[in-house]
């Protein structure tokens, strides 16, 4: 998968990973993809809700060790 921008939010708790993702997506073009790496377990449900609220597409979520990976496509 082609990732246009990556955001490291490790160590940040809710709502900071979402706020940083929102800011990054606002600076991107429609169709571009953003990969967010977080350590907050709550980010899994937060990104699902964020995608529904904003219309951005949540392409993938996975866990790698202590990291939660979220991949979104800008609407």
C-alpha atoms as a PDB file:
ATOM      1  CA  UNK A   1       0.000   0.000   0.000  1.00  0.00           C
ATOM      2  CA  UNK A   2       1.269   3.452  -0.903  1.00  0.00           C
ATOM      3  CA  UNK A   3       1.494   5.717   2.167  1.00  0.00           C
ATOM      4  CA  UNK A   4       1.688   9.443   1.443  1.00  0.00           C
ATOM      5  CA  UNK A   5       2.283  10.632   5.008  1.00  0.00           C
ATOM      6  CA  UNK A   6       3.179   8.961   8.294  1.00  0.00           C
ATOM      7  CA  UNK A   7       2.411  10.282  11.754  1.00  0.00           C
ATOM      8  CA  UNK A   8       4.030   8.988  14.958  1.00  0.00           C
ATOM      9  CA  UNK A   9       1.758   9.619  17.951  1.00  0.00           C
ATOM     10  CA  UNK A  10       3.387   7.072  20.278  1.00  0.00           C
ATOM     11  CA  UNK A  11       3.089   8.093  23.923  1.00  0.00           C
ATOM     12  CA  UNK A  12       0.172  10.437  23.286  1.00  0.00           C
ATOM     13  CA  UNK A  13      -3.232   9.730  24.798  1.00  0.00           C
ATOM     14  CA  UNK A  14      -6.734  10.491  23.564  1.00  0.00           C
ATOM     15  CA  UNK A  15      -7.622  12.841  21.958  1.00  0.00           C
ATOM     16  CA  UNK A  16      -4.151  13.846  20.708  1.00  0.00           C
ATOM     17  CA  UNK A  17      -3.671  11.063  18.095  1.00  0.00           C
ATOM     18  CA  UNK A  18      -7.028  11.987  16.521  1.00  0.00           C
ATOM     19  CA  UNK A  19      -6.320  15.725  16.639  1.00  0.00           C
ATOM     20  CA  UNK A  20      -2.923  15.263  14.991  1.00  0.00           C
ATOM     21  CA  UNK A  21      -4.458  12.972  12.349  1.00  0.00           C
ATOM     22  CA  UNK A  22      -7.195  15.528  11.662  1.00  0.00           C
ATOM     23  CA  UNK A  23      -4.599  18.269  11.152  1.00  0.00           C
ATOM     24  CA  UNK A  24      -2.464  16.049   8.882  1.00  0.00           C
ATOM     25  CA  UNK A  25      -5.471  15.000   6.776  1.00  0.00           C
ATOM     26  CA  UNK A  26      -6.479  18.654   6.338  1.00  0.00           C
ATOM     27  CA  UNK A  27      -3.088  19.327   4.721  1.00  0.00           C
ATOM     28  CA  UNK A  28      -3.385  16.379   2.319  1.00  0.00           C
ATOM     29  CA  UNK A  29      -5.049  15.997  -1.070  1.00  0.00           C
ATOM     30  CA  UNK A  30      -8.167  13.927  -1.647  1.00  0.00           C
ATOM     31  CA  UNK A  31      -7.267  10.243  -2.085  1.00  0.00           C
ATOM     32  CA  UNK A  32      -3.923  10.451  -0.287  1.00  0.00           C
ATOM     33  CA  UNK A  33      -3.226   8.009   2.547  1.00  0.00           C
ATOM     34  CA  UNK A  34      -2.108   8.670   6.108  1.00  0.00           C
ATOM     35  CA  UNK A  35      -0.533   6.058   8.398  1.00  0.00           C
ATOM     36  CA  UNK A  36      -0.803   6.806  12.115  1.00  0.00           C
ATOM     37  CA  UNK A  37       1.189   4.873  14.721  1.00  0.00           C
ATOM     38  CA  UNK A  38      -0.226   5.125  18.248  1.00  0.00           C
ATOM     39  CA  UNK A  39       0.295   3.410  21.603  1.00  0.00           C
ATOM     40  CA  UNK A  40      -3.090   4.358  23.086  1.00  0.00           C
ATOM     41  CA  UNK A  41      -5.367   1.284  23.015  1.00  0.00           C
ATOM     42  CA  UNK A  42      -8.382   3.606  22.864  1.00  0.00           C
ATOM     43  CA  UNK A  43      -7.198   4.863  19.496  1.00  0.00           C
ATOM     44  CA  UNK A  44      -8.654   1.740  17.836  1.00  0.00           C
ATOM     45  CA  UNK A  45     -12.261   2.747  18.570  1.00  0.00           C
ATOM     46  CA  UNK A  46     -11.428   6.466  18.271  1.00  0.00           C
ATOM     47  CA  UNK A  47     -10.259   6.101  14.652  1.00  0.00           C
ATOM     48  CA  UNK A  48     -13.375   4.081  13.734  1.00  0.00           C
ATOM     49  CA  UNK A  49     -15.584   6.868  15.127  1.00  0.00           C
ATOM     50  CA  UNK A  50     -13.419   9.576  13.539  1.00  0.00           C
ATOM     51  CA  UNK A  51     -13.749   7.964  10.107  1.00  0.00           C
ATOM     52  CA  UNK A  52     -17.542   7.777  10.435  1.00  0.00           C
ATOM     53  CA  UNK A  53     -17.796  11.404  11.581  1.00  0.00           C
ATOM     54  CA  UNK A  54     -15.515  12.907   8.943  1.00  0.00           C
ATOM     55  CA  UNK A  55     -16.133  10.726   5.887  1.00  0.00           C
ATOM     56  CA  UNK A  56     -12.444   9.840   5.601  1.00  0.00           C
ATOM     57  CA  UNK A  57     -11.963   6.138   4.866  1.00  0.00           C
ATOM     58  CA  UNK A  58     -10.349   3.880   7.452  1.00  0.00           C
ATOM     59  CA  UNK A  59      -8.494   1.438   5.217  1.00  0.00           C
ATOM     60  CA  UNK A  60      -6.735  -0.704   7.795  1.00  0.00           C
ATOM     61  CA  UNK A  61      -6.081  -1.168  11.490  1.00  0.00           C
ATOM     62  CA  UNK A  62      -3.471  -3.518  12.921  1.00  0.00           C
ATOM     63  CA  UNK A  63      -1.338  -4.099  15.982  1.00  0.00           C
ATOM     64  CA  UNK A  64       2.447  -4.469  15.915  1.00  0.00           C
ATOM     65  CA  UNK A  65       3.735  -5.158  19.408  1.00  0.00           C
ATOM     66  CA  UNK A  66       2.645  -2.211  21.548  1.00  0.00           C
ATOM     67  CA  UNK A  67       1.806  -0.091  18.487  1.00  0.00           C
ATOM     68  CA  UNK A  68      -1.632   0.391  16.969  1.00  0.00           C
ATOM     69  CA  UNK A  69      -1.463   1.187  13.252  1.00  0.00           C
ATOM     70  CA  UNK A  70      -4.249   3.094  11.516  1.00  0.00           C
ATOM     71  CA  UNK A  71      -4.296   3.786   7.772  1.00  0.00           C
ATOM     72  CA  UNK A  72      -6.751   6.368   6.458  1.00  0.00           C
ATOM     73  CA  UNK A  73      -7.559   7.770   3.032  1.00  0.00           C
ATOM     74  CA  UNK A  74      -8.440  11.452   2.748  1.00  0.00           C
ATOM     75  CA  UNK A  75     -11.943  12.024   1.401  1.00  0.00           C
END
